[in-house]
């Protein structure tokens, strides 16, 4: 009963053909379970259908071979609403996080993201309904499209979310990992408060390597109001996320300025083959 893109499921290439006919072209095809945009593609003509099916199956996680076909949503921005479900206490929400994506991967995120009270209430209502239906205690990263017609539910991750790494910049009294752990352990969370404005920007690899190293760590470490994380991944490939830059400032600081600082900080770190 929530507002979503028009969608269908398909478990075979024939079912995908039927789903595309019902949803219409152009449309997006993605695996039922995936991450970081793997297996996701856009069908712009009937000749793309078979290729989209093969790519989705290859990029799928888990044992279930199933894809989702979604119509395009004309949205002007996206948000992640970190939603904390608890065993014995009410569901809690973090301040909305804005983000920008390329190739199905987030590139920058910022908190707080400007959103109307009406849209925020609608997003919180949807997030609570979905997470309650799924069950369990912990933090969910629930994503929404913001459109002129209202809020559309997009997808969720049943775990701390990549865009939520901005909370490691100290934007909240508890970061997303601390909230996840408290909820799982049934430790009370008195409140979630927004303390600062912040932004994250990914550190990307540019080439393949079986033993990546890094340069520029000293440079990013020397910046004020800036932190970073290196993920320790054992190999790299073009566009693989290898770390994140984190920048914070006062709540009245313009979002564009903080995002710009985060991108500049991330650019200081190079992933070497």
C-alpha atoms as a PDB file:
ATOM      1  CA  UNK A   1       0.000   0.000   0.000  1.00  0.00           C
ATOM      2  CA  UNK A   2       2.983   2.362  -0.105  1.00  0.00           C
ATOM      3  CA  UNK A   3       3.800   4.689  -2.981  1.00  0.00           C
ATOM      4  CA  UNK A   4       6.424   2.975  -5.130  1.00  0.00           C
ATOM      5  CA  UNK A   5       7.511   2.808  -8.737  1.00  0.00           C
ATOM      6  CA  UNK A   6       5.395   0.520 -10.910  1.00  0.00           C
ATOM      7  CA  UNK A   7       7.207  -2.807 -10.634  1.00  0.00           C
ATOM      8  CA  UNK A   8       7.161  -6.508 -11.466  1.00  0.00           C
ATOM      9  CA  UNK A   9       9.198  -9.554 -10.443  1.00  0.00           C
ATOM     10  CA  UNK A  10      10.699 -12.081 -12.857  1.00  0.00           C
ATOM     11  CA  UNK A  11      12.412 -15.422 -12.286  1.00  0.00           C
ATOM     12  CA  UNK A  12      13.119 -16.304 -15.940  1.00  0.00           C
ATOM     13  CA  UNK A  13      14.075 -14.412 -19.071  1.00  0.00           C
ATOM     14  CA  UNK A  14      10.590 -15.052 -20.488  1.00  0.00           C
ATOM     15  CA  UNK A  15       9.006 -13.545 -17.363  1.00  0.00           C
ATOM     16  CA  UNK A  16      11.335 -10.567 -17.733  1.00  0.00           C
ATOM     17  CA  UNK A  17      10.071  -9.995 -21.282  1.00  0.00           C
ATOM     18  CA  UNK A  18       6.499 -10.017 -19.980  1.00  0.00           C
ATOM     19  CA  UNK A  19       7.358  -7.713 -17.068  1.00  0.00           C
ATOM     20  CA  UNK A  20       9.030  -5.184 -19.343  1.00  0.00           C
ATOM     21  CA  UNK A  21       5.979  -5.216 -21.611  1.00  0.00           C
ATOM     22  CA  UNK A  22       3.758  -4.429 -18.603  1.00  0.00           C
ATOM     23  CA  UNK A  23       5.998  -1.804 -16.978  1.00  0.00           C
ATOM     24  CA  UNK A  24       7.104  -0.147 -20.192  1.00  0.00           C
ATOM     25  CA  UNK A  25      10.390   1.020 -21.683  1.00  0.00           C
ATOM     26  CA  UNK A  26      12.600   2.605 -20.413  1.00  0.00           C
ATOM     27  CA  UNK A  27      12.814   0.708 -17.136  1.00  0.00           C
ATOM     28  CA  UNK A  28      15.382  -0.442 -14.596  1.00  0.00           C
ATOM     29  CA  UNK A  29      16.257  -4.105 -13.969  1.00  0.00           C
ATOM     30  CA  UNK A  30      18.075  -5.156 -10.812  1.00  0.00           C
ATOM     31  CA  UNK A  31      18.638  -8.347  -8.824  1.00  0.00           C
ATOM     32  CA  UNK A  32      16.294  -9.080  -5.951  1.00  0.00           C
ATOM     33  CA  UNK A  33      19.316  -8.908  -3.643  1.00  0.00           C
ATOM     34  CA  UNK A  34      22.480  -7.026  -4.494  1.00  0.00           C
ATOM     35  CA  UNK A  35      24.713  -4.182  -3.329  1.00  0.00           C
ATOM     36  CA  UNK A  36      26.442  -1.133  -4.758  1.00  0.00           C
ATOM     37  CA  UNK A  37      24.485  -1.266  -8.012  1.00  0.00           C
ATOM     38  CA  UNK A  38      25.844  -4.686  -9.027  1.00  0.00           C
ATOM     39  CA  UNK A  39      23.660  -6.308 -11.685  1.00  0.00           C
ATOM     40  CA  UNK A  40      21.572  -3.172 -12.230  1.00  0.00           C
ATOM     41  CA  UNK A  41      20.979  -1.857 -15.721  1.00  0.00           C
ATOM     42  CA  UNK A  42      18.588   0.230 -17.764  1.00  0.00           C
ATOM     43  CA  UNK A  43      16.519  -1.191 -20.603  1.00  0.00           C
ATOM     44  CA  UNK A  44      16.138   1.431 -23.315  1.00  0.00           C
ATOM     45  CA  UNK A  45      15.067  -0.917 -26.139  1.00  0.00           C
ATOM     46  CA  UNK A  46      13.797  -4.484 -26.486  1.00  0.00           C
ATOM     47  CA  UNK A  47      17.249  -5.551 -27.638  1.00  0.00           C
ATOM     48  CA  UNK A  48      18.545  -4.766 -24.116  1.00  0.00           C
ATOM     49  CA  UNK A  49      16.296  -7.287 -22.340  1.00  0.00           C
ATOM     50  CA  UNK A  50      18.405 -10.441 -22.690  1.00  0.00           C
ATOM     51  CA  UNK A  51      21.593  -8.593 -21.764  1.00  0.00           C
ATOM     52  CA  UNK A  52      19.868  -7.070 -18.701  1.00  0.00           C
ATOM     53  CA  UNK A  53      18.719 -10.511 -17.555  1.00  0.00           C
ATOM     54  CA  UNK A  54      22.209 -12.025 -17.815  1.00  0.00           C
ATOM     55  CA  UNK A  55      23.832  -9.053 -16.079  1.00  0.00           C
ATOM     56  CA  UNK A  56      21.301  -9.120 -13.225  1.00  0.00           C
ATOM     57  CA  UNK A  57      21.801 -12.848 -12.630  1.00  0.00           C
ATOM     58  CA  UNK A  58      25.590 -12.416 -12.626  1.00  0.00           C
ATOM     59  CA  UNK A  59      25.398  -9.531 -10.138  1.00  0.00           C
ATOM     60  CA  UNK A  60      22.929 -11.187  -7.784  1.00  0.00           C
ATOM     61  CA  UNK A  61      23.712 -12.166  -4.203  1.00  0.00           C
ATOM     62  CA  UNK A  62      22.329 -15.306  -2.606  1.00  0.00           C
ATOM     63  CA  UNK A  63      20.819 -18.420  -4.157  1.00  0.00           C
ATOM     64  CA  UNK A  64      17.541 -16.955  -5.463  1.00  0.00           C
ATOM     65  CA  UNK A  65      17.482 -16.126  -9.178  1.00  0.00           C
ATOM     66  CA  UNK A  66      14.960 -13.303  -9.334  1.00  0.00           C
ATOM     67  CA  UNK A  67      14.968  -9.751 -10.642  1.00  0.00           C
ATOM     68  CA  UNK A  68      12.896  -6.621 -10.119  1.00  0.00           C
ATOM     69  CA  UNK A  69      11.709  -4.504 -13.055  1.00  0.00           C
ATOM     70  CA  UNK A  70      10.931  -0.895 -12.118  1.00  0.00           C
ATOM     71  CA  UNK A  71       9.460   1.965 -14.077  1.00  0.00           C
ATOM     72  CA  UNK A  72      11.315   5.264 -13.988  1.00  0.00           C
ATOM     73  CA  UNK A  73      10.413   7.692 -11.198  1.00  0.00           C
ATOM     74  CA  UNK A  74      10.840  11.374 -12.004  1.00  0.00           C
ATOM     75  CA  UNK A  75      12.501  12.418  -8.738  1.00  0.00           C
ATOM     76  CA  UNK A  76      14.421  15.569  -7.871  1.00  0.00           C
ATOM     77  CA  UNK A  77      16.448  14.125  -4.970  1.00  0.00           C
ATOM     78  CA  UNK A  78      17.003  11.026  -2.846  1.00  0.00           C
ATOM     79  CA  UNK A  79      17.321  10.527   0.897  1.00  0.00           C
ATOM     80  CA  UNK A  80      18.296   7.760   3.261  1.00  0.00           C
ATOM     81  CA  UNK A  81      16.275   7.598   6.465  1.00  0.00           C
ATOM     82  CA  UNK A  82      18.237   5.591   9.020  1.00  0.00           C
ATOM     83  CA  UNK A  83      15.530   3.771  10.985  1.00  0.00           C
ATOM     84  CA  UNK A  84      16.218   2.042  14.292  1.00  0.00           C
ATOM     85  CA  UNK A  85      13.831  -0.747  15.321  1.00  0.00           C
ATOM     86  CA  UNK A  86      14.013  -1.884  18.935  1.00  0.00           C
ATOM     87  CA  UNK A  87      12.889  -4.991  20.780  1.00  0.00           C
ATOM     88  CA  UNK A  88      11.067  -3.244  23.599  1.00  0.00           C
ATOM     89  CA  UNK A  89      11.014   0.430  22.663  1.00  0.00           C
ATOM     90  CA  UNK A  90       9.584   2.612  19.880  1.00  0.00           C
ATOM     91  CA  UNK A  91      11.117   2.925  16.405  1.00  0.00           C
ATOM     92  CA  UNK A  92      13.518   5.870  16.137  1.00  0.00           C
ATOM     93  CA  UNK A  93      14.645   7.915  13.132  1.00  0.00           C
ATOM     94  CA  UNK A  94      17.842   9.783  12.344  1.00  0.00           C
ATOM     95  CA  UNK A  95      17.836  13.129  10.558  1.00  0.00           C
ATOM     96  CA  UNK A  96      17.464  12.527   6.801  1.00  0.00           C
ATOM     97  CA  UNK A  97      20.632  11.993   4.778  1.00  0.00           C
ATOM     98  CA  UNK A  98      20.934  13.252   1.215  1.00  0.00           C
ATOM     99  CA  UNK A  99      23.106  11.443  -1.288  1.00  0.00           C
ATOM    100  CA  UNK A 100      24.270  11.417  -4.906  1.00  0.00           C
ATOM    101  CA  UNK A 101      24.860   8.258  -6.932  1.00  0.00           C
ATOM    102  CA  UNK A 102      26.825   7.273 -10.015  1.00  0.00           C
ATOM    103  CA  UNK A 103      26.828   3.793 -11.598  1.00  0.00           C
ATOM    104  CA  UNK A 104      24.485   2.654  -8.808  1.00  0.00           C
ATOM    105  CA  UNK A 105      27.018   3.638  -6.127  1.00  0.00           C
ATOM    106  CA  UNK A 106      26.798   6.524  -3.701  1.00  0.00           C
ATOM    107  CA  UNK A 107      29.490   9.168  -4.215  1.00  0.00           C
ATOM    108  CA  UNK A 108      28.669  11.740  -1.538  1.00  0.00           C
ATOM    109  CA  UNK A 109      26.209  11.903   1.330  1.00  0.00           C
ATOM    110  CA  UNK A 110      25.289  14.718   3.700  1.00  0.00           C
ATOM    111  CA  UNK A 111      23.315  15.185   6.875  1.00  0.00           C
ATOM    112  CA  UNK A 112      20.947  16.856   7.421  1.00  0.00           C
ATOM    113  CA  UNK A 113      19.223  16.905   4.047  1.00  0.00           C
ATOM    114  CA  UNK A 114      16.588  19.578   3.515  1.00  0.00           C
ATOM    115  CA  UNK A 115      13.127  18.062   3.304  1.00  0.00           C
ATOM    116  CA  UNK A 116       9.671  19.419   4.014  1.00  0.00           C
ATOM    117  CA  UNK A 117       7.906  18.425   7.215  1.00  0.00           C
ATOM    118  CA  UNK A 118       5.200  16.767   5.119  1.00  0.00           C
ATOM    119  CA  UNK A 119       7.685  14.637   3.162  1.00  0.00           C
ATOM    120  CA  UNK A 120       9.603  13.733   6.319  1.00  0.00           C
ATOM    121  CA  UNK A 121       6.449  12.579   8.092  1.00  0.00           C
ATOM    122  CA  UNK A 122       5.475  10.506   5.053  1.00  0.00           C
ATOM    123  CA  UNK A 123       8.936   8.927   4.816  1.00  0.00           C
ATOM    124  CA  UNK A 124       8.965   8.087   8.530  1.00  0.00           C
ATOM    125  CA  UNK A 125       5.504   6.529   8.278  1.00  0.00           C
ATOM    126  CA  UNK A 126       6.581   4.361   5.326  1.00  0.00           C
ATOM    127  CA  UNK A 127       9.872   3.380   6.975  1.00  0.00           C
ATOM    128  CA  UNK A 128       8.130   2.306  10.157  1.00  0.00           C
ATOM    129  CA  UNK A 129       5.572   0.217   8.281  1.00  0.00           C
ATOM    130  CA  UNK A 130       8.191  -1.584   6.189  1.00  0.00           C
ATOM    131  CA  UNK A 131      10.630  -2.277   9.030  1.00  0.00           C
ATOM    132  CA  UNK A 132       7.835  -3.412  11.349  1.00  0.00           C
ATOM    133  CA  UNK A 133       6.621  -5.854   8.700  1.00  0.00           C
ATOM    134  CA  UNK A 134      10.136  -7.227   8.243  1.00  0.00           C
ATOM    135  CA  UNK A 135      10.731  -7.564  11.976  1.00  0.00           C
ATOM    136  CA  UNK A 136      13.938  -7.732  13.966  1.00  0.00           C
ATOM    137  CA  UNK A 137      15.935  -5.205  15.959  1.00  0.00           C
ATOM    138  CA  UNK A 138      18.659  -3.050  14.479  1.00  0.00           C
ATOM    139  CA  UNK A 139      19.299  -0.197  12.092  1.00  0.00           C
ATOM    140  CA  UNK A 140      17.827  -0.164   8.573  1.00  0.00           C
ATOM    141  CA  UNK A 141      18.945   2.160   5.793  1.00  0.00           C
ATOM    142  CA  UNK A 142      15.644   3.042   4.104  1.00  0.00           C
ATOM    143  CA  UNK A 143      15.892   4.952   0.820  1.00  0.00           C
ATOM    144  CA  UNK A 144      13.295   7.261  -0.713  1.00  0.00           C
ATOM    145  CA  UNK A 145      12.790   9.272  -3.891  1.00  0.00           C
ATOM    146  CA  UNK A 146      11.473  12.822  -3.377  1.00  0.00           C
ATOM    147  CA  UNK A 147       9.178  13.947  -6.195  1.00  0.00           C
ATOM    148  CA  UNK A 148       6.710  16.746  -6.870  1.00  0.00           C
ATOM    149  CA  UNK A 149       3.934  14.198  -6.194  1.00  0.00           C
ATOM    150  CA  UNK A 150       5.331  13.151  -2.807  1.00  0.00           C
ATOM    151  CA  UNK A 151       7.657  10.515  -1.375  1.00  0.00           C
ATOM    152  CA  UNK A 152       8.296   7.171  -3.112  1.00  0.00           C
ATOM    153  CA  UNK A 153       9.719   4.182  -1.242  1.00  0.00           C
ATOM    154  CA  UNK A 154      12.806   2.967  -3.134  1.00  0.00           C
ATOM    155  CA  UNK A 155      14.607   0.198  -1.226  1.00  0.00           C
ATOM    156  CA  UNK A 156      16.281  -0.656   2.060  1.00  0.00           C
ATOM    157  CA  UNK A 157      19.334  -2.319   3.540  1.00  0.00           C
ATOM    158  CA  UNK A 158      18.769  -4.384   6.718  1.00  0.00           C
ATOM    159  CA  UNK A 159      22.024  -3.070   8.223  1.00  0.00           C
ATOM    160  CA  UNK A 160      24.076   0.120   8.563  1.00  0.00           C
ATOM    161  CA  UNK A 161      24.028   1.919   5.237  1.00  0.00           C
ATOM    162  CA  UNK A 162      26.859   3.211   3.070  1.00  0.00           C
ATOM    163  CA  UNK A 163      25.369   6.711   2.884  1.00  0.00           C
ATOM    164  CA  UNK A 164      25.019   6.605   6.681  1.00  0.00           C
ATOM    165  CA  UNK A 165      28.798   6.600   7.082  1.00  0.00           C
ATOM    166  CA  UNK A 166      28.413  10.381   7.262  1.00  0.00           C
ATOM    167  CA  UNK A 167      27.384   9.804  10.905  1.00  0.00           C
ATOM    168  CA  UNK A 168      31.021   8.831  11.587  1.00  0.00           C
ATOM    169  CA  UNK A 169      31.755  12.554  11.210  1.00  0.00           C
ATOM    170  CA  UNK A 170      30.011  13.144  14.534  1.00  0.00           C
ATOM    171  CA  UNK A 171      26.802  14.513  13.069  1.00  0.00           C
ATOM    172  CA  UNK A 172      24.775  12.608  15.695  1.00  0.00           C
ATOM    173  CA  UNK A 173      25.212  11.706  19.345  1.00  0.00           C
ATOM    174  CA  UNK A 174      25.455   8.044  18.195  1.00  0.00           C
ATOM    175  CA  UNK A 175      26.772   6.959  14.789  1.00  0.00           C
ATOM    176  CA  UNK A 176      24.867   4.356  12.783  1.00  0.00           C
ATOM    177  CA  UNK A 177      27.036   1.449  13.955  1.00  0.00           C
ATOM    178  CA  UNK A 178      26.547   2.323  17.617  1.00  0.00           C
ATOM    179  CA  UNK A 179      22.789   2.545  17.078  1.00  0.00           C
ATOM    180  CA  UNK A 180      22.757  -0.834  15.318  1.00  0.00           C
ATOM    181  CA  UNK A 181      24.647  -2.477  18.173  1.00  0.00           C
ATOM    182  CA  UNK A 182      22.514  -0.925  20.910  1.00  0.00           C
ATOM    183  CA  UNK A 183      19.312  -2.051  19.227  1.00  0.00           C
ATOM    184  CA  UNK A 184      20.588  -5.606  18.749  1.00  0.00           C
ATOM    185  CA  UNK A 185      21.722  -5.807  22.384  1.00  0.00           C
ATOM    186  CA  UNK A 186      18.402  -4.321  23.601  1.00  0.00           C
ATOM    187  CA  UNK A 187      20.266  -1.433  25.221  1.00  0.00           C
ATOM    188  CA  UNK A 188      18.038   1.635  25.608  1.00  0.00           C
ATOM    189  CA  UNK A 189      18.523   4.575  23.263  1.00  0.00           C
ATOM    190  CA  UNK A 190      17.278   7.652  25.093  1.00  0.00           C
ATOM    191  CA  UNK A 191      17.298   9.836  21.983  1.00  0.00           C
ATOM    192  CA  UNK A 192      19.028  10.471  18.677  1.00  0.00           C
ATOM    193  CA  UNK A 193      20.146  14.082  18.399  1.00  0.00           C
ATOM    194  CA  UNK A 194      21.651  15.984  15.475  1.00  0.00           C
ATOM    195  CA  UNK A 195      24.861  17.638  16.678  1.00  0.00           C
ATOM    196  CA  UNK A 196      26.596  18.913  13.521  1.00  0.00           C
ATOM    197  CA  UNK A 197      26.250  19.138   9.778  1.00  0.00           C
ATOM    198  CA  UNK A 198      28.465  16.705   7.916  1.00  0.00           C
ATOM    199  CA  UNK A 199      29.320  15.108   4.601  1.00  0.00           C
ATOM    200  CA  UNK A 200      31.084  12.001   3.335  1.00  0.00           C
ATOM    201  CA  UNK A 201      32.787  11.423  -0.011  1.00  0.00           C
ATOM    202  CA  UNK A 202      34.099   8.122  -1.306  1.00  0.00           C
ATOM    203  CA  UNK A 203      37.740   7.351  -2.036  1.00  0.00           C
ATOM    204  CA  UNK A 204      37.753   5.416  -5.306  1.00  0.00           C
ATOM    205  CA  UNK A 205      40.287   3.131  -6.954  1.00  0.00           C
ATOM    206  CA  UNK A 206      41.162   3.833 -10.579  1.00  0.00           C
ATOM    207  CA  UNK A 207      42.806   0.553 -11.612  1.00  0.00           C
ATOM    208  CA  UNK A 208      43.031  -3.157 -10.849  1.00  0.00           C
ATOM    209  CA  UNK A 209      45.392  -4.301  -8.131  1.00  0.00           C
ATOM    210  CA  UNK A 210      45.823  -7.446  -6.033  1.00  0.00           C
ATOM    211  CA  UNK A 211      47.716  -5.467  -3.390  1.00  0.00           C
ATOM    212  CA  UNK A 212      46.541  -1.845  -3.285  1.00  0.00           C
ATOM    213  CA  UNK A 213      48.379   0.792  -1.274  1.00  0.00           C
ATOM    214  CA  UNK A 214      47.554   4.419  -0.509  1.00  0.00           C
ATOM    215  CA  UNK A 215      49.182   7.805  -0.806  1.00  0.00           C
ATOM    216  CA  UNK A 216      48.054  11.139   0.590  1.00  0.00           C
ATOM    217  CA  UNK A 217      47.030   9.825   4.022  1.00  0.00           C
ATOM    218  CA  UNK A 218      49.178  12.464   5.752  1.00  0.00           C
ATOM    219  CA  UNK A 219      47.549  15.190   3.688  1.00  0.00           C
ATOM    220  CA  UNK A 220      43.964  14.289   4.561  1.00  0.00           C
ATOM    221  CA  UNK A 221      44.911  13.670   8.200  1.00  0.00           C
ATOM    222  CA  UNK A 222      46.229  17.248   8.453  1.00  0.00           C
ATOM    223  CA  UNK A 223      42.894  18.859   7.504  1.00  0.00           C
ATOM    224  CA  UNK A 224      40.753  20.467  10.229  1.00  0.00           C
ATOM    225  CA  UNK A 225      37.261  19.085  10.983  1.00  0.00           C
ATOM    226  CA  UNK A 226      38.081  16.123   8.746  1.00  0.00           C
ATOM    227  CA  UNK A 227      38.437  12.380   9.308  1.00  0.00           C
ATOM    228  CA  UNK A 228      38.723   9.343   7.043  1.00  0.00           C
ATOM    229  CA  UNK A 229      38.360   5.574   6.944  1.00  0.00           C
ATOM    230  CA  UNK A 230      40.323   3.134   4.781  1.00  0.00           C
ATOM    231  CA  UNK A 231      38.283  -0.028   4.268  1.00  0.00           C
ATOM    232  CA  UNK A 232      41.184  -2.473   4.022  1.00  0.00           C
ATOM    233  CA  UNK A 233      39.848  -4.251   0.951  1.00  0.00           C
ATOM    234  CA  UNK A 234      42.376  -6.815  -0.341  1.00  0.00           C
ATOM    235  CA  UNK A 235      42.033  -5.860  -4.008  1.00  0.00           C
ATOM    236  CA  UNK A 236      40.984  -2.899  -6.115  1.00  0.00           C
ATOM    237  CA  UNK A 237      39.327  -2.281  -9.469  1.00  0.00           C
ATOM    238  CA  UNK A 238      38.199   0.874 -11.256  1.00  0.00           C
ATOM    239  CA  UNK A 239      35.510   2.735  -9.272  1.00  0.00           C
ATOM    240  CA  UNK A 240      35.691   0.361  -6.292  1.00  0.00           C
ATOM    241  CA  UNK A 241      35.090   2.213  -3.027  1.00  0.00           C
ATOM    242  CA  UNK A 242      38.243   1.856  -0.944  1.00  0.00           C
ATOM    243  CA  UNK A 243      37.590   4.432   1.756  1.00  0.00           C
ATOM    244  CA  UNK A 244      35.640   7.501   2.740  1.00  0.00           C
ATOM    245  CA  UNK A 245      36.433  11.107   3.692  1.00  0.00           C
ATOM    246  CA  UNK A 246      34.367  12.675   6.484  1.00  0.00           C
ATOM    247  CA  UNK A 247      33.890  16.394   7.104  1.00  0.00           C
ATOM    248  CA  UNK A 248      31.829  18.178   9.749  1.00  0.00           C
ATOM    249  CA  UNK A 249      30.940  21.748  10.651  1.00  0.00           C
ATOM    250  CA  UNK A 250      28.281  23.737  12.440  1.00  0.00           C
ATOM    251  CA  UNK A 251      24.610  23.133  11.627  1.00  0.00           C
ATOM    252  CA  UNK A 252      24.292  26.499   9.878  1.00  0.00           C
ATOM    253  CA  UNK A 253      27.043  25.664   7.369  1.00  0.00           C
ATOM    254  CA  UNK A 254      25.705  25.371   3.796  1.00  0.00           C
ATOM    255  CA  UNK A 255      25.501  21.765   2.605  1.00  0.00           C
ATOM    256  CA  UNK A 256      27.267  22.535  -0.670  1.00  0.00           C
ATOM    257  CA  UNK A 257      30.295  23.876   1.201  1.00  0.00           C
ATOM    258  CA  UNK A 258      30.624  20.778   3.391  1.00  0.00           C
ATOM    259  CA  UNK A 259      30.150  18.409   0.453  1.00  0.00           C
ATOM    260  CA  UNK A 260      32.779  20.343  -1.493  1.00  0.00           C
ATOM    261  CA  UNK A 261      35.255  19.983   1.370  1.00  0.00           C
ATOM    262  CA  UNK A 262      34.572  16.252   1.623  1.00  0.00           C
ATOM    263  CA  UNK A 263      35.154  15.740  -2.104  1.00  0.00           C
ATOM    264  CA  UNK A 264      38.380  17.760  -1.969  1.00  0.00           C
ATOM    265  CA  UNK A 265      39.563  15.739   1.027  1.00  0.00           C
ATOM    266  CA  UNK A 266      38.789  12.424  -0.686  1.00  0.00           C
ATOM    267  CA  UNK A 267      40.710  13.544  -3.771  1.00  0.00           C
ATOM    268  CA  UNK A 268      43.874  13.849  -1.679  1.00  0.00           C
ATOM    269  CA  UNK A 269      44.015  10.080  -1.175  1.00  0.00           C
ATOM    270  CA  UNK A 270      45.177   7.991  -4.123  1.00  0.00           C
ATOM    271  CA  UNK A 271      44.813   4.226  -4.383  1.00  0.00           C
ATOM    272  CA  UNK A 272      47.990   2.801  -5.905  1.00  0.00           C
ATOM    273  CA  UNK A 273      48.448  -0.522  -7.674  1.00  0.00           C
END
